[in-house]
Amino acid sequence: MRRGLLTPAATTAAGKGSCKVRDVSVTRGPVFAEESVPGLLAPFVRRSSGN
């Protein structure tokens, strides 16, 4: 793994494959996922209450 990069993968409906986007920055990866599938990460995000 290269420092500061990740490889997000989206599983496909058919077969055992997945689509990968290689070498995405750690900060851009979640943004890319949310733009691709709105609401995808919502169950995994903890929002601060602003206190």
PDB file of N, CA and C in Angstrom:
ATOM      1  N   MET A   1       0.845  -1.183   0.000  1.00  0.00           N
ATOM      2  CA  MET A   1       0.000   0.000   0.000  1.00  0.00           C
ATOM      3  C   MET A   1       0.884   1.238   0.000  1.00  0.00           C
ATOM      4  N   ARG A   2       0.528   2.179  -0.800  1.00  0.00           N
ATOM      5  CA  ARG A   2       1.268   3.428  -0.847  1.00  0.00           C
ATOM      6  C   ARG A   2       0.717   4.369   0.200  1.00  0.00           C
ATOM      7  N   ARG A   3       1.574   5.137   0.774  1.00  0.00           N
ATOM      8  CA  ARG A   3       1.191   6.032   1.863  1.00  0.00           C
ATOM      9  C   ARG A   3       0.139   7.039   1.411  1.00  0.00           C
ATOM     10  N   GLY A   4      -0.972   7.085   2.174  1.00  0.00           N
ATOM     11  CA  GLY A   4      -2.020   8.054   1.900  1.00  0.00           C
ATOM     12  C   GLY A   4      -2.958   7.687   0.766  1.00  0.00           C
ATOM     13  N   LEU A   5      -2.831   6.465   0.232  1.00  0.00           N
ATOM     14  CA  LEU A   5      -3.681   6.040  -0.877  1.00  0.00           C
ATOM     15  C   LEU A   5      -4.448   4.790  -0.491  1.00  0.00           C
ATOM     16  N   LEU A   6      -5.608   4.596  -1.108  1.00  0.00           N
ATOM     17  CA  LEU A   6      -6.370   3.387  -0.894  1.00  0.00           C
ATOM     18  C   LEU A   6      -6.985   2.946  -2.200  1.00  0.00           C
ATOM     19  N   THR A   7      -7.549   1.736  -2.203  1.00  0.00           N
ATOM     20  CA  THR A   7      -8.184   1.192  -3.393  1.00  0.00           C
ATOM     21  C   THR A   7      -9.604   0.785  -3.045  1.00  0.00           C
ATOM     22  N   PRO A   8     -10.570   1.705  -3.197  1.00  0.00           N
ATOM     23  CA  PRO A   8     -11.961   1.327  -2.932  1.00  0.00           C
ATOM     24  C   PRO A   8     -12.446   0.346  -3.991  1.00  0.00           C
ATOM     25  N   ALA A   9     -13.289  -0.595  -3.572  1.00  0.00           N
ATOM     26  CA  ALA A   9     -13.847  -1.575  -4.493  1.00  0.00           C
ATOM     27  C   ALA A   9     -15.348  -1.654  -4.291  1.00  0.00           C
ATOM     28  N   ALA A  10     -16.078  -1.762  -5.384  1.00  0.00           N
ATOM     29  CA  ALA A  10     -17.530  -1.938  -5.345  1.00  0.00           C
ATOM     30  C   ALA A  10     -17.838  -3.315  -5.894  1.00  0.00           C
ATOM     31  N   THR A  11     -18.520  -4.121  -5.097  1.00  0.00           N
ATOM     32  CA  THR A  11     -18.879  -5.449  -5.583  1.00  0.00           C
ATOM     33  C   THR A  11     -19.936  -5.330  -6.670  1.00  0.00           C
ATOM     34  N   THR A  12     -19.924  -6.297  -7.552  1.00  0.00           N
ATOM     35  CA  THR A  12     -20.885  -6.304  -8.642  1.00  0.00           C
ATOM     36  C   THR A  12     -22.024  -7.268  -8.322  1.00  0.00           C
ATOM     37  N   ALA A  13     -23.159  -7.056  -8.922  1.00  0.00           N
ATOM     38  CA  ALA A  13     -24.331  -7.887  -8.647  1.00  0.00           C
ATOM     39  C   ALA A  13     -24.175  -9.304  -9.195  1.00  0.00           C
ATOM     40  N   ALA A  14     -23.446  -9.433 -10.272  1.00  0.00           N
ATOM     41  CA  ALA A  14     -23.283 -10.745 -10.885  1.00  0.00           C
ATOM     42  C   ALA A  14     -21.858 -11.243 -10.712  1.00  0.00           C
ATOM     43  N   GLY A  15     -21.722 -12.486 -10.367  1.00  0.00           N
ATOM     44  CA  GLY A  15     -20.399 -13.083 -10.257  1.00  0.00           C
ATOM     45  C   GLY A  15     -19.678 -12.721  -8.972  1.00  0.00           C
ATOM     46  N   LYS A  16     -18.391 -12.981  -8.981  1.00  0.00           N
ATOM     47  CA  LYS A  16     -17.559 -12.764  -7.797  1.00  0.00           C
ATOM     48  C   LYS A  16     -16.672 -11.536  -7.934  1.00  0.00           C
ATOM     49  N   GLY A  17     -16.884 -10.771  -8.963  1.00  0.00           N
ATOM     50  CA  GLY A  17     -16.001  -9.654  -9.262  1.00  0.00           C
ATOM     51  C   GLY A  17     -16.331  -8.376  -8.519  1.00  0.00           C
ATOM     52  N   SER A  18     -15.465  -7.409  -8.729  1.00  0.00           N
ATOM     53  CA  SER A  18     -15.668  -6.070  -8.184  1.00  0.00           C
ATOM     54  C   SER A  18     -14.979  -5.073  -9.098  1.00  0.00           C
ATOM     55  N   CYS A  19     -15.387  -3.829  -8.990  1.00  0.00           N
ATOM     56  CA  CYS A  19     -14.757  -2.740  -9.735  1.00  0.00           C
ATOM     57  C   CYS A  19     -13.897  -1.967  -8.747  1.00  0.00           C
ATOM     58  N   LYS A  20     -12.639  -1.789  -9.071  1.00  0.00           N
ATOM     59  CA  LYS A  20     -11.706  -1.112  -8.176  1.00  0.00           C
ATOM     60  C   LYS A  20     -11.225   0.199  -8.777  1.00  0.00           C
ATOM     61  N   VAL A  21     -11.030   1.158  -7.912  1.00  0.00           N
ATOM     62  CA  VAL A  21     -10.435   2.433  -8.300  1.00  0.00           C
ATOM     63  C   VAL A  21      -9.127   2.514  -7.531  1.00  0.00           C
ATOM     64  N   ARG A  22      -8.033   2.338  -8.212  1.00  0.00           N
ATOM     65  CA  ARG A  22      -6.733   2.242  -7.555  1.00  0.00           C
ATOM     66  C   ARG A  22      -6.127   3.608  -7.233  1.00  0.00           C
ATOM     67  N   ASP A  23      -5.400   3.626  -6.126  1.00  0.00           N
ATOM     68  CA  ASP A  23      -4.605   4.787  -5.711  1.00  0.00           C
ATOM     69  C   ASP A  23      -5.411   6.075  -5.585  1.00  0.00           C
ATOM     70  N   VAL A  24      -6.478   6.015  -4.812  1.00  0.00           N
ATOM     71  CA  VAL A  24      -7.290   7.184  -4.500  1.00  0.00           C
ATOM     72  C   VAL A  24      -6.798   7.724  -3.164  1.00  0.00           C
ATOM     73  N   SER A  25      -6.705   9.033  -3.033  1.00  0.00           N
ATOM     74  CA  SER A  25      -6.233   9.584  -1.765  1.00  0.00           C
ATOM     75  C   SER A  25      -7.214   9.244  -0.653  1.00  0.00           C
ATOM     76  N   VAL A  26      -6.700   9.107   0.551  1.00  0.00           N
ATOM     77  CA  VAL A  26      -7.522   8.756   1.702  1.00  0.00           C
ATOM     78  C   VAL A  26      -8.631   9.773   1.912  1.00  0.00           C
ATOM     79  N   THR A  27      -8.380  11.029   1.637  1.00  0.00           N
ATOM     80  CA  THR A  27      -9.407  12.054   1.815  1.00  0.00           C
ATOM     81  C   THR A  27     -10.418  12.059   0.672  1.00  0.00           C
ATOM     82  N   ARG A  28     -10.020  11.679  -0.517  1.00  0.00           N
ATOM     83  CA  ARG A  28     -10.906  11.697  -1.681  1.00  0.00           C
ATOM     84  C   ARG A  28     -11.739  10.420  -1.807  1.00  0.00           C
ATOM     85  N   GLY A  29     -11.259   9.308  -1.287  1.00  0.00           N
ATOM     86  CA  GLY A  29     -11.953   8.028  -1.403  1.00  0.00           C
ATOM     87  C   GLY A  29     -13.392   8.048  -0.902  1.00  0.00           C
ATOM     88  N   PRO A  30     -13.629   8.487   0.344  1.00  0.00           N
ATOM     89  CA  PRO A  30     -15.009   8.538   0.834  1.00  0.00           C
ATOM     90  C   PRO A  30     -15.892   9.510   0.040  1.00  0.00           C
ATOM     91  N   VAL A  31     -15.322  10.605  -0.418  1.00  0.00           N
ATOM     92  CA  VAL A  31     -16.090  11.564  -1.229  1.00  0.00           C
ATOM     93  C   VAL A  31     -16.495  10.909  -2.548  1.00  0.00           C
ATOM     94  N   PHE A  32     -15.574  10.208  -3.160  1.00  0.00           N
ATOM     95  CA  PHE A  32     -15.850   9.496  -4.411  1.00  0.00           C
ATOM     96  C   PHE A  32     -16.969   8.467  -4.207  1.00  0.00           C
ATOM     97  N   ALA A  33     -16.909   7.705  -3.129  1.00  0.00           N
ATOM     98  CA  ALA A  33     -17.937   6.696  -2.845  1.00  0.00           C
ATOM     99  C   ALA A  33     -19.302   7.347  -2.650  1.00  0.00           C
ATOM    100  N   GLU A  34     -19.348   8.436  -1.907  1.00  0.00           N
ATOM    101  CA  GLU A  34     -20.622   9.115  -1.645  1.00  0.00           C
ATOM    102  C   GLU A  34     -21.188   9.742  -2.913  1.00  0.00           C
ATOM    103  N   GLU A  35     -20.330  10.273  -3.777  1.00  0.00           N
ATOM    104  CA  GLU A  35     -20.803  10.838  -5.039  1.00  0.00           C
ATOM    105  C   GLU A  35     -21.297   9.745  -5.977  1.00  0.00           C
ATOM    106  N   SER A  36     -20.682   8.585  -5.923  1.00  0.00           N
ATOM    107  CA  SER A  36     -21.066   7.478  -6.802  1.00  0.00           C
ATOM    108  C   SER A  36     -22.397   6.868  -6.398  1.00  0.00           C
ATOM    109  N   VAL A  37     -22.582   6.669  -5.090  1.00  0.00           N
ATOM    110  CA  VAL A  37     -23.808   6.067  -4.566  1.00  0.00           C
ATOM    111  C   VAL A  37     -24.242   6.877  -3.349  1.00  0.00           C
ATOM    112  N   PRO A  38     -25.062   7.905  -3.548  1.00  0.00           N
ATOM    113  CA  PRO A  38     -25.495   8.744  -2.428  1.00  0.00           C
ATOM    114  C   PRO A  38     -26.114   7.916  -1.300  1.00  0.00           C
ATOM    115  N   GLY A  39     -25.680   8.203  -0.077  1.00  0.00           N
ATOM    116  CA  GLY A  39     -26.189   7.505   1.099  1.00  0.00           C
ATOM    117  C   GLY A  39     -25.449   6.222   1.428  1.00  0.00           C
ATOM    118  N   LEU A  40     -24.513   5.819   0.585  1.00  0.00           N
ATOM    119  CA  LEU A  40     -23.785   4.564   0.777  1.00  0.00           C
ATOM    120  C   LEU A  40     -23.093   4.495   2.137  1.00  0.00           C
ATOM    121  N   LEU A  41     -22.456   5.574   2.527  1.00  0.00           N
ATOM    122  CA  LEU A  41     -21.669   5.565   3.763  1.00  0.00           C
ATOM    123  C   LEU A  41     -22.447   6.013   4.989  1.00  0.00           C
ATOM    124  N   ALA A  42     -23.687   6.475   4.801  1.00  0.00           N
ATOM    125  CA  ALA A  42     -24.475   7.023   5.910  1.00  0.00           C
ATOM    126  C   ALA A  42     -24.538   6.107   7.133  1.00  0.00           C
ATOM    127  N   PRO A  43     -24.728   4.796   6.984  1.00  0.00           N
ATOM    128  CA  PRO A  43     -24.796   3.944   8.171  1.00  0.00           C
ATOM    129  C   PRO A  43     -23.471   3.854   8.940  1.00  0.00           C
ATOM    130  N   PHE A  44     -22.379   4.279   8.323  1.00  0.00           N
ATOM    131  CA  PHE A  44     -21.072   4.130   8.937  1.00  0.00           C
ATOM    132  C   PHE A  44     -20.464   5.442   9.422  1.00  0.00           C
ATOM    133  N   VAL A  45     -21.190   6.552   9.239  1.00  0.00           N
ATOM    134  CA  VAL A  45     -20.666   7.873   9.593  1.00  0.00           C
ATOM    135  C   VAL A  45     -21.265   8.331  10.914  1.00  0.00           C
ATOM    136  N   ARG A  46     -20.395   8.736  11.803  1.00  0.00           N
ATOM    137  CA  ARG A  46     -20.843   9.301  13.081  1.00  0.00           C
ATOM    138  C   ARG A  46     -20.641  10.802  13.000  1.00  0.00           C
ATOM    139  N   ARG A  47     -21.714  11.538  13.086  1.00  0.00           N
ATOM    140  CA  ARG A  47     -21.656  12.999  13.016  1.00  0.00           C
ATOM    141  C   ARG A  47     -21.513  13.568  14.411  1.00  0.00           C
ATOM    142  N   SER A  48     -20.697  14.608  14.541  1.00  0.00           N
ATOM    143  CA  SER A  48     -20.557  15.253  15.850  1.00  0.00           C
ATOM    144  C   SER A  48     -21.775  16.116  16.112  1.00  0.00           C
ATOM    145  N   SER A  49     -22.082  16.294  17.384  1.00  0.00           N
ATOM    146  CA  SER A  49     -23.248  17.082  17.751  1.00  0.00           C
ATOM    147  C   SER A  49     -22.949  18.583  17.742  1.00  0.00           C
ATOM    148  N   GLY A  50     -21.705  18.941  17.496  1.00  0.00           N
ATOM    149  CA  GLY A  50     -21.328  20.349  17.419  1.00  0.00           C
ATOM    150  C   GLY A  50     -21.010  20.958  18.773  1.00  0.00           C
ATOM    151  N   ASN A  51     -20.931  20.135  19.806  1.00  0.00           N
ATOM    152  CA  ASN A  51     -20.596  20.626  21.153  1.00  0.00           C
ATOM    153  C   ASN A  51     -19.118  20.781  21.334  1.00  0.00           C
TER     154      ASN A  51
END
